[in-house]
Amino acid sequence: MLKIRSLNTYYGDSHILHGVDLDIPEGKAVGLLGRNGMGKTTLIRSLMGFVPAASGRILWRDKEVTGSSPERMARLGIGYVPEGRGIFPNLSVRENLVMSARLGAAGRCDWTYGRVLETFPRLTERLDHGGQQLSGGEQQMLSIGRALMTNPDLLILDEATEGLAPLIVQEIWRVIKQISQTGISTLIVDRNYRSVLAHTDVAVVLEKGQIVLADESITLLNASDTLSRYLGV
């Protein structure tokens, strides 16, 4: 579905991504692992068009999309749950959801307002609350729900459970598993590498802007010695 080839990205004079290759197959869950500062968020922001790539190619369903704007990438069918959640604090929960509702790129309408609320029943109790009135966990639920309202073919979650209470973390992973089972491709970043590997088909590890490991998630889960070298676990 998504192919990244030889991607190089800079922040000013700092060379962040060094020739990154990444594939996200149709209907598969991909984990993106690495310590802080290794380039995970930069990779996501580069493929979404927030950060321009210095060189390399990004292909969506074999069509060139390198240099596309974030708006175009969203219209192509990519839903993005950014680190920090990015909800509209001055809009209510209802408004955050409704304003993002649209058909998917192929006219699909699997994720409706009602289905999102069934998936996140806690949001049903907060519909008239402003975004700034929600707890961190509720904001993350809202951010995921808002992305699902776009009926994406690919859902990207950057730091899916960062800073959340354990019970909320369990709920988020339950929903992520449910989303994957519907056939939506996912790209997942989270500090808990075991949870990432348990909820993905394949995973890659970034080290200083380069992919140093790539394998089936179950294989990486059983390679703790190798992972500890790159993740510090």
Protein backbone atom coordinates (compact mmCIF):
# COMPACT_ATOMS: atom_id res chain seq x y z
CA MET A 1 0.00 0.00 0.00
CA LEU A 2 2.71 2.48 1.06
CA LYS A 3 6.33 2.30 -0.04
CA ILE A 4 9.15 4.54 1.12
CA ARG A 5 12.42 4.31 -0.74
CA SER A 6 15.82 5.84 0.14
CA LEU A 7 14.22 8.65 2.15
CA ASN A 8 16.53 11.39 3.42
CA THR A 9 15.21 14.19 5.62
CA TYR A 10 16.90 17.15 7.29
CA TYR A 11 15.98 19.60 10.03
CA GLY A 12 18.08 22.58 9.07
CA ASP A 13 21.64 21.27 8.77
CA SER A 14 20.87 18.14 10.80
CA HIS A 15 20.56 14.98 8.71
CA ILE A 16 17.80 13.01 10.47
CA LEU A 17 16.72 10.20 8.13
CA HIS A 18 19.42 8.35 6.18
CA GLY A 19 18.11 6.41 3.19
CA VAL A 20 15.09 4.83 4.92
CA ASP A 21 13.12 2.08 3.16
CA LEU A 22 9.75 1.03 4.55
CA ASP A 23 6.79 -0.99 3.25
CA ILE A 24 3.30 -0.99 4.73
CA PRO A 25 1.33 -3.81 3.09
CA GLU A 26 -2.42 -3.78 2.57
CA GLY A 27 -4.30 -4.82 5.69
CA LYS A 28 -1.18 -5.29 7.81
CA ALA A 29 -0.05 -3.76 11.10
CA VAL A 30 3.52 -2.42 11.15
CA GLY A 31 5.44 -1.43 14.28
CA LEU A 32 8.00 1.38 14.25
CA LEU A 33 10.45 1.07 17.14
CA GLY A 34 13.48 2.96 18.38
CA ARG A 35 14.72 5.04 21.28
CA ASN A 36 13.80 8.71 21.59
CA GLY A 37 15.46 10.91 19.01
CA MET A 38 16.10 8.14 16.50
CA GLY A 39 13.80 9.60 13.81
CA LYS A 40 10.46 7.83 14.26
CA THR A 41 8.30 10.96 14.36
CA THR A 42 10.37 12.58 11.62
CA LEU A 43 9.70 9.56 9.41
CA ILE A 44 5.98 9.84 10.02
CA ARG A 45 5.95 13.60 9.46
CA SER A 46 7.97 13.16 6.27
CA LEU A 47 5.60 10.61 4.76
CA MET A 48 2.62 12.77 5.76
CA GLY A 49 4.14 15.85 4.08
CA PHE A 50 4.69 17.98 7.18
CA VAL A 51 8.47 17.79 6.71
CA PRO A 52 9.85 17.91 3.14
CA ALA A 53 12.03 15.02 2.08
CA ALA A 54 15.45 16.03 0.77
CA SER A 55 15.56 12.97 -1.47
CA GLY A 56 13.93 9.60 -1.92
CA ARG A 57 10.48 8.48 -2.99
CA ILE A 58 7.11 7.89 -1.35
CA LEU A 59 4.61 5.75 -3.26
CA TRP A 60 0.95 5.25 -2.39
CA ARG A 61 -0.58 2.29 -4.21
CA ASP A 62 2.35 2.52 -6.67
CA LYS A 63 1.67 6.19 -7.47
CA GLU A 64 4.26 8.85 -6.74
CA VAL A 65 3.22 11.10 -3.85
CA THR A 66 6.62 12.45 -2.81
CA GLY A 67 6.29 16.09 -1.77
CA SER A 68 2.51 15.94 -1.40
CA SER A 69 0.81 18.16 1.17
CA PRO A 70 -0.65 16.71 4.37
CA GLU A 71 -4.12 17.50 3.02
CA ARG A 72 -3.54 15.38 -0.06
CA MET A 73 -2.14 12.50 1.95
CA ALA A 74 -5.24 12.60 4.16
CA ARG A 75 -7.53 12.60 1.10
CA LEU A 76 -5.67 9.60 -0.30
CA GLY A 77 -6.76 7.63 2.76
CA ILE A 78 -4.25 8.13 5.57
CA GLY A 79 -5.52 8.88 9.07
CA TYR A 80 -2.99 10.38 11.48
CA VAL A 81 -3.08 10.35 15.28
CA PRO A 82 -0.12 12.59 16.17
CA GLU A 83 2.01 12.57 19.27
CA GLY A 84 0.29 14.99 21.65
CA ARG A 85 -3.15 14.06 20.20
CA GLY A 86 -3.79 17.32 18.34
CA ILE A 87 -7.50 17.63 19.09
CA PHE A 88 -9.26 20.99 18.87
CA PRO A 89 -9.47 22.11 22.53
CA ASN A 90 -12.17 24.72 21.95
CA LEU A 91 -14.52 22.34 20.15
CA SER A 92 -16.74 19.83 21.89
CA VAL A 93 -16.22 16.10 21.54
CA ARG A 94 -19.19 15.99 19.16
CA GLU A 95 -17.77 18.81 17.05
CA ASN A 96 -14.30 17.25 16.91
CA LEU A 97 -15.82 14.06 15.52
CA VAL A 98 -18.43 15.48 13.16
CA MET A 99 -16.12 18.03 11.54
CA SER A 100 -13.77 15.26 10.38
CA ALA A 101 -16.42 12.86 9.06
CA ARG A 102 -16.10 11.94 5.39
CA LEU A 103 -16.20 9.01 3.04
CA GLY A 104 -13.03 7.04 2.54
CA ALA A 105 -10.93 7.32 -0.60
CA ALA A 106 -12.92 4.52 -2.27
CA GLY A 107 -16.27 5.79 -0.96
CA ARG A 108 -16.18 3.50 2.07
CA CYS A 109 -18.21 4.53 5.10
CA ASP A 110 -17.46 1.79 7.62
CA TRP A 111 -16.62 4.17 10.46
CA THR A 112 -19.64 6.30 11.26
CA TYR A 113 -20.29 8.63 14.17
CA GLY A 114 -22.35 5.91 15.84
CA ARG A 115 -19.68 3.25 15.40
CA VAL A 116 -16.98 5.47 16.86
CA LEU A 117 -19.12 6.10 19.94
CA GLU A 118 -19.81 2.37 20.27
CA THR A 119 -16.05 1.78 20.13
CA PHE A 120 -15.36 4.52 22.68
CA PRO A 121 -18.42 4.54 24.98
CA ARG A 122 -16.61 6.90 27.36
CA LEU A 123 -16.87 9.63 24.69
CA THR A 124 -20.65 9.24 24.65
CA GLU A 125 -20.67 10.61 28.20
CA ARG A 126 -18.51 13.58 27.15
CA LEU A 127 -20.14 14.72 23.91
CA ASP A 128 -20.76 18.29 25.08
CA HIS A 129 -17.42 18.64 26.86
CA GLY A 130 -14.71 20.74 25.28
CA GLY A 131 -11.52 19.03 24.22
CA GLN A 132 -9.61 20.80 26.98
CA GLN A 133 -11.96 19.31 29.59
CA LEU A 134 -11.04 15.72 28.77
CA SER A 135 -8.51 13.55 30.53
CA GLY A 136 -5.42 12.43 28.62
CA GLY A 137 -6.96 9.05 27.91
CA GLU A 138 -10.20 10.58 26.69
CA GLN A 139 -8.27 12.94 24.44
CA GLN A 140 -6.43 9.99 22.91
CA MET A 141 -9.72 8.18 22.34
CA LEU A 142 -11.07 11.30 20.67
CA SER A 143 -7.99 11.66 18.50
CA ILE A 144 -8.26 8.04 17.33
CA GLY A 145 -12.01 8.37 16.83
CA ARG A 146 -11.56 11.54 14.80
CA ALA A 147 -9.04 9.79 12.53
CA LEU A 148 -11.41 6.84 12.08
CA MET A 149 -14.19 9.23 11.03
CA THR A 150 -12.18 9.88 7.85
CA ASN A 151 -12.54 6.17 6.98
CA PRO A 152 -8.83 5.70 6.32
CA ASP A 153 -7.09 2.85 4.53
CA LEU A 154 -4.01 3.43 6.69
CA LEU A 155 -4.04 4.65 10.30
CA ILE A 156 -0.83 6.05 11.79
CA LEU A 157 -0.55 6.24 15.58
CA ASP A 158 2.45 8.11 16.97
CA GLU A 159 3.04 7.32 20.68
CA ALA A 160 -0.29 5.56 20.96
CA THR A 161 -0.38 5.25 24.77
CA GLU A 162 2.13 7.82 26.01
CA GLY A 163 1.38 9.17 29.48
CA LEU A 164 -1.85 7.23 29.95
CA ALA A 165 -3.05 5.31 32.99
CA PRO A 166 -2.69 1.50 32.81
CA LEU A 167 -6.42 0.82 32.43
CA ILE A 168 -6.67 3.35 29.61
CA VAL A 169 -3.60 1.82 27.97
CA GLN A 170 -5.34 -1.56 27.93
CA GLU A 171 -8.40 0.04 26.36
CA ILE A 172 -6.36 1.74 23.63
CA TRP A 173 -4.62 -1.50 22.70
CA ARG A 174 -7.97 -3.30 22.61
CA VAL A 175 -9.24 -0.74 20.12
CA ILE A 176 -6.05 -0.90 18.05
CA LYS A 177 -6.49 -4.67 17.77
CA GLN A 178 -10.11 -4.18 16.75
CA ILE A 179 -9.12 -1.63 14.09
CA SER A 180 -6.53 -3.99 12.62
CA GLN A 181 -9.12 -6.76 12.42
CA THR A 182 -11.32 -4.56 10.21
CA GLY A 183 -8.66 -4.58 7.48
CA ILE A 184 -7.26 -1.09 8.03
CA SER A 185 -3.48 -1.00 7.73
CA THR A 186 -1.74 0.52 10.75
CA LEU A 187 1.64 2.02 11.53
CA ILE A 188 2.17 2.10 15.29
CA VAL A 189 4.76 3.88 17.41
CA ASP A 190 4.83 3.29 21.15
CA ARG A 191 7.49 3.06 23.86
CA ASN A 192 6.20 -0.31 25.05
CA TYR A 193 7.88 -2.45 22.43
CA ARG A 194 6.29 -5.66 23.72
CA SER A 195 2.79 -4.26 23.19
CA VAL A 196 3.74 -2.99 19.74
CA LEU A 197 5.11 -6.37 18.72
CA ALA A 198 2.07 -8.16 20.17
CA HIS A 199 -0.28 -6.04 18.03
CA THR A 200 1.61 -5.93 14.72
CA ASP A 201 2.53 -8.32 11.93
CA VAL A 202 5.96 -6.89 11.16
CA ALA A 203 8.17 -4.27 12.76
CA VAL A 204 11.24 -2.18 12.04
CA VAL A 205 13.75 -0.56 14.39
CA LEU A 206 15.25 2.86 13.73
CA GLU A 207 18.71 3.76 15.03
CA LYS A 208 20.07 7.22 14.25
CA GLY A 209 17.74 7.63 11.29
CA GLN A 210 18.47 4.25 9.73
CA ILE A 211 16.53 1.00 9.82
CA VAL A 212 18.75 -1.52 11.57
CA LEU A 213 16.24 -4.33 12.12
CA ALA A 214 13.20 -5.46 10.15
CA ASP A 215 11.38 -8.74 10.67
CA GLU A 216 8.11 -10.37 11.64
CA SER A 217 6.99 -9.07 15.01
CA ILE A 218 6.91 -12.49 16.62
CA THR A 219 10.53 -13.06 15.58
CA LEU A 220 11.63 -9.76 17.07
CA LEU A 221 9.67 -10.45 20.24
CA ASN A 222 11.79 -13.55 20.75
CA ALA A 223 15.04 -11.69 20.06
CA SER A 224 15.30 -9.73 23.31
CA ASP A 225 19.10 -9.64 23.28
CA THR A 226 19.15 -8.04 19.85
CA LEU A 227 16.38 -5.60 20.71
CA SER A 228 18.10 -4.51 23.90
CA ARG A 229 21.04 -3.30 21.84
CA TYR A 230 18.84 -0.79 20.01
CA LEU A 231 16.02 -0.08 22.44
CA GLY A 232 17.88 -0.03 25.73
CA VAL A 233 15.44 -2.47 27.31
